[in-house]
Amino acid sequence: MEPFERFKKLNTEGNLWIYILSLGREITCEDEVRKLIFEKFGFLPGNILTKTVLYRLKRRGYIKPEKYKGKKAFIRTEKGEKELEKMKEFCKELLQKI
């Protein structure tokens, strides 16, 4: 695998948390997460990986379960917002260094 390909994979599928947290700004249906990530960020994560990350984010209090039109959904919590801001700041700092 070429360095760029590895970098891209690790910063997309390998780092799904940031993308899901960013979608959680408003109520988001869980069954639409993969489609929304593809539309907004240009890659399609695996179904099992997406469900695993959603479960972990819920369990750790970064997103909270909601219902939207009778479907399982989620919204980002204050804890999730703080974590997302830390990730954004880290990315900004890293880009300035390289």
PDB file of N, CA and C in Angstrom:
ATOM      1  N   MET A   1       0.846  -1.180   0.000  1.00  0.00           N
ATOM      2  CA  MET A   1       0.000   0.000   0.000  1.00  0.00           C
ATOM      3  C   MET A   1       0.892   1.244   0.000  1.00  0.00           C
ATOM      4  N   GLU A   2       0.538   2.178  -0.854  1.00  0.00           N
ATOM      5  CA  GLU A   2       1.284   3.424  -0.963  1.00  0.00           C
ATOM      6  C   GLU A   2       1.018   4.302   0.273  1.00  0.00           C
ATOM      7  N   PRO A   3       1.984   5.177   0.630  1.00  0.00           N
ATOM      8  CA  PRO A   3       1.800   6.021   1.813  1.00  0.00           C
ATOM      9  C   PRO A   3       0.497   6.823   1.797  1.00  0.00           C
ATOM     10  N   PHE A   4       0.150   7.419   0.648  1.00  0.00           N
ATOM     11  CA  PHE A   4      -1.086   8.203   0.605  1.00  0.00           C
ATOM     12  C   PHE A   4      -2.314   7.336   0.823  1.00  0.00           C
ATOM     13  N   GLU A   5      -2.345   6.149   0.221  1.00  0.00           N
ATOM     14  CA  GLU A   5      -3.486   5.250   0.393  1.00  0.00           C
ATOM     15  C   GLU A   5      -3.658   4.870   1.864  1.00  0.00           C
ATOM     16  N   ARG A   6      -2.555   4.568   2.514  1.00  0.00           N
ATOM     17  CA  ARG A   6      -2.603   4.217   3.940  1.00  0.00           C
ATOM     18  C   ARG A   6      -3.089   5.405   4.769  1.00  0.00           C
ATOM     19  N   PHE A   7      -2.555   6.580   4.478  1.00  0.00           N
ATOM     20  CA  PHE A   7      -2.955   7.794   5.178  1.00  0.00           C
ATOM     21  C   PHE A   7      -4.453   8.043   5.020  1.00  0.00           C
ATOM     22  N   LYS A   8      -4.942   7.910   3.795  1.00  0.00           N
ATOM     23  CA  LYS A   8      -6.357   8.140   3.512  1.00  0.00           C
ATOM     24  C   LYS A   8      -7.241   7.138   4.262  1.00  0.00           C
ATOM     25  N   LYS A   9      -6.863   5.859   4.235  1.00  0.00           N
ATOM     26  CA  LYS A   9      -7.650   4.824   4.910  1.00  0.00           C
ATOM     27  C   LYS A   9      -7.688   5.057   6.422  1.00  0.00           C
ATOM     28  N   LEU A  10      -6.543   5.403   6.995  1.00  0.00           N
ATOM     29  CA  LEU A  10      -6.494   5.626   8.437  1.00  0.00           C
ATOM     30  C   LEU A  10      -7.258   6.875   8.855  1.00  0.00           C
ATOM     31  N   ASN A  11      -7.409   7.823   7.955  1.00  0.00           N
ATOM     32  CA  ASN A  11      -8.112   9.059   8.285  1.00  0.00           C
ATOM     33  C   ASN A  11      -9.558   9.073   7.816  1.00  0.00           C
ATOM     34  N   THR A  12     -10.036   7.966   7.308  1.00  0.00           N
ATOM     35  CA  THR A  12     -11.449   7.851   6.939  1.00  0.00           C
ATOM     36  C   THR A  12     -12.037   6.687   7.723  1.00  0.00           C
ATOM     37  N   GLU A  13     -11.965   5.483   7.183  1.00  0.00           N
ATOM     38  CA  GLU A  13     -12.523   4.315   7.865  1.00  0.00           C
ATOM     39  C   GLU A  13     -11.846   4.059   9.202  1.00  0.00           C
ATOM     40  N   GLY A  14     -10.563   4.347   9.286  1.00  0.00           N
ATOM     41  CA  GLY A  14      -9.815   4.101  10.515  1.00  0.00           C
ATOM     42  C   GLY A  14     -10.086   5.123  11.602  1.00  0.00           C
ATOM     43  N   ASN A  15     -10.855   6.134  11.282  1.00  0.00           N
ATOM     44  CA  ASN A  15     -11.132   7.202  12.239  1.00  0.00           C
ATOM     45  C   ASN A  15     -12.591   7.638  12.123  1.00  0.00           C
ATOM     46  N   LEU A  16     -13.479   6.679  12.165  1.00  0.00           N
ATOM     47  CA  LEU A  16     -14.897   6.911  11.923  1.00  0.00           C
ATOM     48  C   LEU A  16     -15.565   7.769  13.002  1.00  0.00           C
ATOM     49  N   TRP A  17     -15.007   7.784  14.185  1.00  0.00           N
ATOM     50  CA  TRP A  17     -15.605   8.511  15.303  1.00  0.00           C
ATOM     51  C   TRP A  17     -15.861   9.971  14.960  1.00  0.00           C
ATOM     52  N   ILE A  18     -14.887  10.633  14.381  1.00  0.00           N
ATOM     53  CA  ILE A  18     -15.017  12.064  14.099  1.00  0.00           C
ATOM     54  C   ILE A  18     -16.145  12.333  13.101  1.00  0.00           C
ATOM     55  N   TYR A  19     -16.320  11.461  12.141  1.00  0.00           N
ATOM     56  CA  TYR A  19     -17.362  11.650  11.130  1.00  0.00           C
ATOM     57  C   TYR A  19     -18.758  11.455  11.718  1.00  0.00           C
ATOM     58  N   ILE A  20     -18.900  10.441  12.547  1.00  0.00           N
ATOM     59  CA  ILE A  20     -20.199  10.191  13.168  1.00  0.00           C
ATOM     60  C   ILE A  20     -20.540  11.304  14.156  1.00  0.00           C
ATOM     61  N   LEU A  21     -19.554  11.748  14.924  1.00  0.00           N
ATOM     62  CA  LEU A  21     -19.811  12.860  15.844  1.00  0.00           C
ATOM     63  C   LEU A  21     -20.208  14.122  15.085  1.00  0.00           C
ATOM     64  N   SER A  22     -19.594  14.360  13.952  1.00  0.00           N
ATOM     65  CA  SER A  22     -19.944  15.566  13.194  1.00  0.00           C
ATOM     66  C   SER A  22     -21.369  15.480  12.644  1.00  0.00           C
ATOM     67  N   LEU A  23     -21.833  14.278  12.291  1.00  0.00           N
ATOM     68  CA  LEU A  23     -23.208  14.107  11.824  1.00  0.00           C
ATOM     69  C   LEU A  23     -24.221  14.310  12.948  1.00  0.00           C
ATOM     70  N   GLY A  24     -23.795  14.100  14.183  1.00  0.00           N
ATOM     71  CA  GLY A  24     -24.695  14.154  15.323  1.00  0.00           C
ATOM     72  C   GLY A  24     -25.096  15.543  15.766  1.00  0.00           C
ATOM     73  N   ARG A  25     -24.753  16.548  14.990  1.00  0.00           N
ATOM     74  CA  ARG A  25     -25.149  17.923  15.318  1.00  0.00           C
ATOM     75  C   ARG A  25     -26.674  18.007  15.446  1.00  0.00           C
ATOM     76  N   GLU A  26     -27.362  17.282  14.583  1.00  0.00           N
ATOM     77  CA  GLU A  26     -28.814  17.214  14.635  1.00  0.00           C
ATOM     78  C   GLU A  26     -29.214  15.740  14.662  1.00  0.00           C
ATOM     79  N   ILE A  27     -30.468  15.469  14.960  1.00  0.00           N
ATOM     80  CA  ILE A  27     -30.922  14.076  15.047  1.00  0.00           C
ATOM     81  C   ILE A  27     -30.656  13.374  13.717  1.00  0.00           C
ATOM     82  N   THR A  28     -29.986  12.227  13.800  1.00  0.00           N
ATOM     83  CA  THR A  28     -29.594  11.466  12.617  1.00  0.00           C
ATOM     84  C   THR A  28     -30.056  10.026  12.779  1.00  0.00           C
ATOM     85  N   CYS A  29     -30.735   9.490  11.782  1.00  0.00           N
ATOM     86  CA  CYS A  29     -31.164   8.086  11.801  1.00  0.00           C
ATOM     87  C   CYS A  29     -29.953   7.186  11.634  1.00  0.00           C
ATOM     88  N   GLU A  30     -29.879   6.166  12.458  1.00  0.00           N
ATOM     89  CA  GLU A  30     -28.738   5.264  12.422  1.00  0.00           C
ATOM     90  C   GLU A  30     -28.611   4.538  11.089  1.00  0.00           C
ATOM     91  N   ASP A  31     -29.734   4.197  10.473  1.00  0.00           N
ATOM     92  CA  ASP A  31     -29.661   3.452   9.219  1.00  0.00           C
ATOM     93  C   ASP A  31     -29.254   4.340   8.027  1.00  0.00           C
ATOM     94  N   GLU A  32     -29.100   5.632   8.248  1.00  0.00           N
ATOM     95  CA  GLU A  32     -28.679   6.538   7.178  1.00  0.00           C
ATOM     96  C   GLU A  32     -27.236   7.012   7.337  1.00  0.00           C
ATOM     97  N   VAL A  33     -26.565   6.603   8.402  1.00  0.00           N
ATOM     98  CA  VAL A  33     -25.223   7.097   8.700  1.00  0.00           C
ATOM     99  C   VAL A  33     -24.243   6.805   7.563  1.00  0.00           C
ATOM    100  N   ARG A  34     -24.213   5.589   7.086  1.00  0.00           N
ATOM    101  CA  ARG A  34     -23.270   5.232   6.019  1.00  0.00           C
ATOM    102  C   ARG A  34     -23.508   6.077   4.776  1.00  0.00           C
ATOM    103  N   LYS A  35     -24.775   6.233   4.387  1.00  0.00           N
ATOM    104  CA  LYS A  35     -25.121   7.027   3.210  1.00  0.00           C
ATOM    105  C   LYS A  35     -24.707   8.487   3.404  1.00  0.00           C
ATOM    106  N   LEU A  36     -24.963   9.037   4.581  1.00  0.00           N
ATOM    107  CA  LEU A  36     -24.603  10.424   4.857  1.00  0.00           C
ATOM    108  C   LEU A  36     -23.095  10.636   4.843  1.00  0.00           C
ATOM    109  N   ILE A  37     -22.352   9.674   5.378  1.00  0.00           N
ATOM    110  CA  ILE A  37     -20.893   9.768   5.347  1.00  0.00           C
ATOM    111  C   ILE A  37     -20.408   9.745   3.902  1.00  0.00           C
ATOM    112  N   PHE A  38     -20.991   8.886   3.096  1.00  0.00           N
ATOM    113  CA  PHE A  38     -20.599   8.823   1.687  1.00  0.00           C
ATOM    114  C   PHE A  38     -20.902  10.147   0.981  1.00  0.00           C
ATOM    115  N   GLU A  39     -22.083  10.681   1.197  1.00  0.00           N
ATOM    116  CA  GLU A  39     -22.477  11.923   0.538  1.00  0.00           C
ATOM    117  C   GLU A  39     -21.639  13.115   0.994  1.00  0.00           C
ATOM    118  N   LYS A  40     -21.369  13.185   2.288  1.00  0.00           N
ATOM    119  CA  LYS A  40     -20.687  14.361   2.841  1.00  0.00           C
ATOM    120  C   LYS A  40     -19.163  14.259   2.795  1.00  0.00           C
ATOM    121  N   PHE A  41     -18.627  13.032   3.003  1.00  0.00           N
ATOM    122  CA  PHE A  41     -17.183  12.888   3.144  1.00  0.00           C
ATOM    123  C   PHE A  41     -16.524  12.046   2.052  1.00  0.00           C
ATOM    124  N   GLY A  42     -17.324  11.388   1.204  1.00  0.00           N
ATOM    125  CA  GLY A  42     -16.781  10.706   0.046  1.00  0.00           C
ATOM    126  C   GLY A  42     -16.235   9.307   0.242  1.00  0.00           C
ATOM    127  N   PHE A  43     -16.602   8.637   1.318  1.00  0.00           N
ATOM    128  CA  PHE A  43     -16.211   7.238   1.484  1.00  0.00           C
ATOM    129  C   PHE A  43     -17.358   6.499   2.155  1.00  0.00           C
ATOM    130  N   LEU A  44     -17.416   5.203   1.925  1.00  0.00           N
ATOM    131  CA  LEU A  44     -18.502   4.380   2.449  1.00  0.00           C
ATOM    132  C   LEU A  44     -17.927   3.389   3.462  1.00  0.00           C
ATOM    133  N   PRO A  45     -18.143   3.635   4.756  1.00  0.00           N
ATOM    134  CA  PRO A  45     -17.609   2.714   5.764  1.00  0.00           C
ATOM    135  C   PRO A  45     -18.408   1.412   5.792  1.00  0.00           C
ATOM    136  N   GLY A  46     -17.810   0.390   6.329  1.00  0.00           N
ATOM    137  CA  GLY A  46     -18.477  -0.893   6.451  1.00  0.00           C
ATOM    138  C   GLY A  46     -19.646  -0.825   7.423  1.00  0.00           C
ATOM    139  N   ASN A  47     -20.634  -1.650   7.197  1.00  0.00           N
ATOM    140  CA  ASN A  47     -21.839  -1.672   8.017  1.00  0.00           C
ATOM    141  C   ASN A  47     -21.536  -2.076   9.464  1.00  0.00           C
ATOM    142  N   ILE A  48     -20.767  -3.126   9.641  1.00  0.00           N
ATOM    143  CA  ILE A  48     -20.460  -3.611  10.997  1.00  0.00           C
ATOM    144  C   ILE A  48     -19.604  -2.595  11.739  1.00  0.00           C
ATOM    145  N   LEU A  49     -18.625  -2.016  11.058  1.00  0.00           N
ATOM    146  CA  LEU A  49     -17.777  -1.008  11.688  1.00  0.00           C
ATOM    147  C   LEU A  49     -18.615   0.192  12.138  1.00  0.00           C
ATOM    148  N   THR A  50     -19.530   0.627  11.299  1.00  0.00           N
ATOM    149  CA  THR A  50     -20.392   1.763  11.636  1.00  0.00           C
ATOM    150  C   THR A  50     -21.234   1.456  12.867  1.00  0.00           C
ATOM    151  N   LYS A  51     -21.839   0.277  12.902  1.00  0.00           N
ATOM    152  CA  LYS A  51     -22.655  -0.098  14.056  1.00  0.00           C
ATOM    153  C   LYS A  51     -21.815  -0.203  15.322  1.00  0.00           C
ATOM    154  N   THR A  52     -20.599  -0.707  15.202  1.00  0.00           N
ATOM    155  CA  THR A  52     -19.709  -0.830  16.348  1.00  0.00           C
ATOM    156  C   THR A  52     -19.354   0.540  16.908  1.00  0.00           C
ATOM    157  N   VAL A  53     -19.016   1.468  16.033  1.00  0.00           N
ATOM    158  CA  VAL A  53     -18.655   2.815  16.479  1.00  0.00           C
ATOM    159  C   VAL A  53     -19.861   3.514  17.107  1.00  0.00           C
ATOM    160  N   LEU A  54     -21.034   3.382  16.503  1.00  0.00           N
ATOM    161  CA  LEU A  54     -22.243   3.964  17.091  1.00  0.00           C
ATOM    162  C   LEU A  54     -22.479   3.409  18.495  1.00  0.00           C
ATOM    163  N   TYR A  55     -22.344   2.109  18.656  1.00  0.00           N
ATOM    164  CA  TYR A  55     -22.535   1.473  19.963  1.00  0.00           C
ATOM    165  C   TYR A  55     -21.549   2.036  20.989  1.00  0.00           C
ATOM    166  N   ARG A  56     -20.283   2.140  20.606  1.00  0.00           N
ATOM    167  CA  ARG A  56     -19.259   2.640  21.538  1.00  0.00           C
ATOM    168  C   ARG A  56     -19.479   4.111  21.884  1.00  0.00           C
ATOM    169  N   LEU A  57     -19.859   4.899  20.903  1.00  0.00           N
ATOM    170  CA  LEU A  57     -20.121   6.318  21.183  1.00  0.00           C
ATOM    171  C   LEU A  57     -21.304   6.472  22.140  1.00  0.00           C
ATOM    172  N   LYS A  58     -22.330   5.655  21.966  1.00  0.00           N
ATOM    173  CA  LYS A  58     -23.483   5.690  22.883  1.00  0.00           C
ATOM    174  C   LYS A  58     -23.081   5.243  24.277  1.00  0.00           C
ATOM    175  N   ARG A  59     -22.388   4.126  24.333  1.00  0.00           N
ATOM    176  CA  ARG A  59     -21.999   3.543  25.616  1.00  0.00           C
ATOM    177  C   ARG A  59     -21.131   4.506  26.425  1.00  0.00           C
ATOM    178  N   ARG A  60     -20.314   5.295  25.741  1.00  0.00           N
ATOM    179  CA  ARG A  60     -19.404   6.219  26.431  1.00  0.00           C
ATOM    180  C   ARG A  60     -19.993   7.617  26.608  1.00  0.00           C
ATOM    181  N   GLY A  61     -21.233   7.814  26.169  1.00  0.00           N
ATOM    182  CA  GLY A  61     -21.928   9.065  26.421  1.00  0.00           C
ATOM    183  C   GLY A  61     -21.624  10.204  25.454  1.00  0.00           C
ATOM    184  N   TYR A  62     -21.068   9.900  24.279  1.00  0.00           N
ATOM    185  CA  TYR A  62     -20.761  10.943  23.301  1.00  0.00           C
ATOM    186  C   TYR A  62     -21.958  11.242  22.395  1.00  0.00           C
ATOM    187  N   ILE A  63     -22.830  10.268  22.236  1.00  0.00           N
ATOM    188  CA  ILE A  63     -24.098  10.472  21.541  1.00  0.00           C
ATOM    189  C   ILE A  63     -25.182   9.831  22.393  1.00  0.00           C
ATOM    190  N   LYS A  64     -26.399  10.306  22.223  1.00  0.00           N
ATOM    191  CA  LYS A  64     -27.497   9.686  22.981  1.00  0.00           C
ATOM    192  C   LYS A  64     -28.553   9.194  22.006  1.00  0.00           C
ATOM    193  N   PRO A  65     -29.190   8.087  22.346  1.00  0.00           N
ATOM    194  CA  PRO A  65     -30.214   7.528  21.470  1.00  0.00           C
ATOM    195  C   PRO A  65     -31.441   8.433  21.401  1.00  0.00           C
ATOM    196  N   GLU A  66     -32.018   8.473  20.239  1.00  0.00           N
ATOM    197  CA  GLU A  66     -33.246   9.237  19.983  1.00  0.00           C
ATOM    198  C   GLU A  66     -34.131   8.377  19.088  1.00  0.00           C
ATOM    199  N   LYS A  67     -35.344   8.812  18.900  1.00  0.00           N
ATOM    200  CA  LYS A  67     -36.244   8.209  17.913  1.00  0.00           C
ATOM    201  C   LYS A  67     -36.604   9.302  16.925  1.00  0.00           C
ATOM    202  N   TYR A  68     -36.613   8.955  15.642  1.00  0.00           N
ATOM    203  CA  TYR A  68     -36.984   9.912  14.612  1.00  0.00           C
ATOM    204  C   TYR A  68     -37.832   9.179  13.584  1.00  0.00           C
ATOM    205  N   LYS A  69     -39.074   9.570  13.485  1.00  0.00           N
ATOM    206  CA  LYS A  69     -40.028   8.921  12.583  1.00  0.00           C
ATOM    207  C   LYS A  69     -40.083   7.412  12.830  1.00  0.00           C
ATOM    208  N   GLY A  70     -40.050   7.037  14.095  1.00  0.00           N
ATOM    209  CA  GLY A  70     -40.152   5.639  14.480  1.00  0.00           C
ATOM    210  C   GLY A  70     -38.876   4.830  14.269  1.00  0.00           C
ATOM    211  N   LYS A  71     -37.777   5.501  13.891  1.00  0.00           N
ATOM    212  CA  LYS A  71     -36.510   4.799  13.645  1.00  0.00           C
ATOM    213  C   LYS A  71     -35.494   5.140  14.729  1.00  0.00           C
ATOM    214  N   LYS A  72     -34.528   4.225  14.903  1.00  0.00           N
ATOM    215  CA  LYS A  72     -33.432   4.483  15.825  1.00  0.00           C
ATOM    216  C   LYS A  72     -32.594   5.630  15.277  1.00  0.00           C
ATOM    217  N   ALA A  73     -32.326   6.580  16.133  1.00  0.00           N
ATOM    218  CA  ALA A  73     -31.545   7.741  15.734  1.00  0.00           C
ATOM    219  C   ALA A  73     -30.636   8.133  16.899  1.00  0.00           C
ATOM    220  N   PHE A  74     -29.842   9.174  16.701  1.00  0.00           N
ATOM    221  CA  PHE A  74     -28.966   9.659  17.755  1.00  0.00           C
ATOM    222  C   PHE A  74     -28.731  11.151  17.563  1.00  0.00           C
ATOM    223  N   ILE A  75     -28.239  11.762  18.633  1.00  0.00           N
ATOM    224  CA  ILE A  75     -27.814  13.152  18.594  1.00  0.00           C
ATOM    225  C   ILE A  75     -26.580  13.271  19.486  1.00  0.00           C
ATOM    226  N   ARG A  76     -25.699  14.158  19.115  1.00  0.00           N
ATOM    227  CA  ARG A  76     -24.461  14.354  19.868  1.00  0.00           C
ATOM    228  C   ARG A  76     -24.771  14.992  21.220  1.00  0.00           C
ATOM    229  N   THR A  77     -24.068  14.554  22.254  1.00  0.00           N
ATOM    230  CA  THR A  77     -24.217  15.124  23.589  1.00  0.00           C
ATOM    231  C   THR A  77     -23.193  16.253  23.765  1.00  0.00           C
ATOM    232  N   GLU A  78     -23.284  16.940  24.874  1.00  0.00           N
ATOM    233  CA  GLU A  78     -22.297  17.982  25.182  1.00  0.00           C
ATOM    234  C   GLU A  78     -20.895  17.372  25.282  1.00  0.00           C
ATOM    235  N   LYS A  79     -20.818  16.190  25.873  1.00  0.00           N
ATOM    236  CA  LYS A  79     -19.544  15.480  25.972  1.00  0.00           C
ATOM    237  C   LYS A  79     -19.002  15.179  24.578  1.00  0.00           C
ATOM    238  N   GLY A  80     -19.874  14.769  23.663  1.00  0.00           N
ATOM    239  CA  GLY A  80     -19.478  14.498  22.284  1.00  0.00           C
ATOM    240  C   GLY A  80     -19.027  15.756  21.567  1.00  0.00           C
ATOM    241  N   GLU A  81     -19.702  16.870  21.827  1.00  0.00           N
ATOM    242  CA  GLU A  81     -19.327  18.156  21.235  1.00  0.00           C
ATOM    243  C   GLU A  81     -17.921  18.560  21.667  1.00  0.00           C
ATOM    244  N   LYS A  82     -17.635  18.404  22.953  1.00  0.00           N
ATOM    245  CA  LYS A  82     -16.299  18.744  23.470  1.00  0.00           C
ATOM    246  C   LYS A  82     -15.233  17.858  22.835  1.00  0.00           C
ATOM    247  N   GLU A  83     -15.535  16.592  22.709  1.00  0.00           N
ATOM    248  CA  GLU A  83     -14.575  15.655  22.113  1.00  0.00           C
ATOM    249  C   GLU A  83     -14.335  15.990  20.647  1.00  0.00           C
ATOM    250  N   LEU A  84     -15.383  16.329  19.912  1.00  0.00           N
ATOM    251  CA  LEU A  84     -15.253  16.709  18.510  1.00  0.00           C
ATOM    252  C   LEU A  84     -14.400  17.969  18.372  1.00  0.00           C
ATOM    253  N   GLU A  85     -14.591  18.928  19.242  1.00  0.00           N
ATOM    254  CA  GLU A  85     -13.784  20.153  19.197  1.00  0.00           C
ATOM    255  C   GLU A  85     -12.313  19.843  19.454  1.00  0.00           C
ATOM    256  N   LYS A  86     -12.032  18.929  20.379  1.00  0.00           N
ATOM    257  CA  LYS A  86     -10.635  18.530  20.633  1.00  0.00           C
ATOM    258  C   LYS A  86     -10.030  17.881  19.392  1.00  0.00           C
ATOM    259  N   MET A  87     -10.818  17.054  18.695  1.00  0.00           N
ATOM    260  CA  MET A  87     -10.328  16.409  17.473  1.00  0.00           C
ATOM    261  C   MET A  87     -10.037  17.444  16.394  1.00  0.00           C
ATOM    262  N   LYS A  88     -10.929  18.404  16.237  1.00  0.00           N
ATOM    263  CA  LYS A  88     -10.729  19.454  15.234  1.00  0.00           C
ATOM    264  C   LYS A  88      -9.468  20.259  15.537  1.00  0.00           C
ATOM    265  N   GLU A  89      -9.300  20.615  16.792  1.00  0.00           N
ATOM    266  CA  GLU A  89      -8.123  21.397  17.193  1.00  0.00           C
ATOM    267  C   GLU A  89      -6.843  20.605  16.957  1.00  0.00           C
ATOM    268  N   PHE A  90      -6.862  19.326  17.275  1.00  0.00           N
ATOM    269  CA  PHE A  90      -5.699  18.473  17.027  1.00  0.00           C
ATOM    270  C   PHE A  90      -5.353  18.451  15.542  1.00  0.00           C
ATOM    271  N   CYS A  91      -6.367  18.302  14.691  1.00  0.00           N
ATOM    272  CA  CYS A  91      -6.137  18.283  13.245  1.00  0.00           C
ATOM    273  C   CYS A  91      -5.531  19.600  12.762  1.00  0.00           C
ATOM    274  N   LYS A  92      -6.044  20.715  13.256  1.00  0.00           N
ATOM    275  CA  LYS A  92      -5.511  22.020  12.869  1.00  0.00           C
ATOM    276  C   LYS A  92      -4.040  22.148  13.260  1.00  0.00           C
ATOM    277  N   GLU A  93      -3.740  21.762  14.495  1.00  0.00           N
ATOM    278  CA  GLU A  93      -2.356  21.844  14.989  1.00  0.00           C
ATOM    279  C   GLU A  93      -1.437  20.938  14.187  1.00  0.00           C
ATOM    280  N   LEU A  94      -1.898  19.744  13.897  1.00  0.00           N
ATOM    281  CA  LEU A  94      -1.085  18.801  13.125  1.00  0.00           C
ATOM    282  C   LEU A  94      -0.809  19.332  11.717  1.00  0.00           C
ATOM    283  N   LEU A  95      -1.815  19.886  11.073  1.00  0.00           N
ATOM    284  CA  LEU A  95      -1.616  20.445   9.731  1.00  0.00           C
ATOM    285  C   LEU A  95      -0.625  21.609   9.744  1.00  0.00           C
ATOM    286  N   GLN A  96      -0.639  22.406  10.779  1.00  0.00           N
ATOM    287  CA  GLN A  96       0.317  23.502  10.861  1.00  0.00           C
ATOM    288  C   GLN A  96       1.747  22.974  11.018  1.00  0.00           C
ATOM    289  N   LYS A  97       1.893  21.844  11.690  1.00  0.00           N
ATOM    290  CA  LYS A  97       3.224  21.277  11.917  1.00  0.00           C
ATOM    291  C   LYS A  97       3.800  20.601  10.697  1.00  0.00           C
ATOM    292  N   ILE A  98       2.931  20.031   9.870  1.00  0.00           N
ATOM    293  CA  ILE A  98       3.465  19.357   8.690  1.00  0.00           C
ATOM    294  C   ILE A  98       3.375  20.295   7.529  1.00  0.00           C
TER     295      ILE A  98
END
